[in-house]
């Protein structure tokens, strides 16, 4: 009996059906349309503003020339310590470099590090959780005791230890932040796999003789990945803060790279006469983190209830 026939029997036993073929009329439902998404956003002005902020940050990270044409590394010494104005929206620093241009170009480094950190935590933590929850027995005990050790160490301290061992640089900071967030992803993934593994359709698939990799790939993973993806969106804001904190301490890209944490660190020596060097990059970080958290909460709760 072929593996496909076994899976078909398992689905038939539960009254499940194959995906609708092209050209076949689909069952009535509530499809996700553009008008529905716009209506959802317009009813929540704070969420709409947060989405706009995130879109602007993404555009600045990938296409910084859309916002500024000035070189973030080139300064004019005669124009140093100029306050915010029409020609320099965020003022200039001690070397006469445009701070707004440095913030815009710094979004590329900070967002790149954040995405790498979330991806590392998602892949490594999700893999540990899936293996622990699906295999069980002594494998589950060993992996979860390892995860408990990771949870016992504060994330920032672990990131500092890892980046000290790995070395300085944006990518190494991102990997350190990602590994420090592995434990939370592993626990969520394990809990979801345990929940799905005990479902009726999984037991029916096993009773029909389906192989373990078929059960895992066709039934367990698709039904367990949702909460882990939501956790990734929630972890995005905290990863930005962690990456910026390590850059502030000097573990990020070396100067004159305009990383967000580095900009705040460089400007703290001039707080008395140039407050904008730290305040405005700090506001950019705060706005990005708050916007990411607002969108993540909407995806986690409000949008799910609407559907």
Foldseek 3Di string as FASTA:
>chain_A
DDLVVLLVVLCVVVVHDDPDDPPDDDDDDDDDDPVVVVVVCVVPVVLVVLVVLQVLLVCLQVPVVVPDDFDQADADQVQALAPADPVQNLGHHNRHGRLVSLLSPQSNLLLVLLVLLLVLLLVLLLVLQLCLQLVPDVSVVVSLVVLVVLVVDDLLVQLVVQLVVVAFESNSSSNSSNVSNNSVLSVLNNVQLNVQCPDPSLVSSVVSPNDSVCSCPVGRVVRRCVVSVLVSLQCSLVSSVSSLVCVLVPRYDDPPRSHLNVQLNVCPVPCVRRVSSNVVSVVSSVSNSVSSNSNSVCVVPVVVVVD
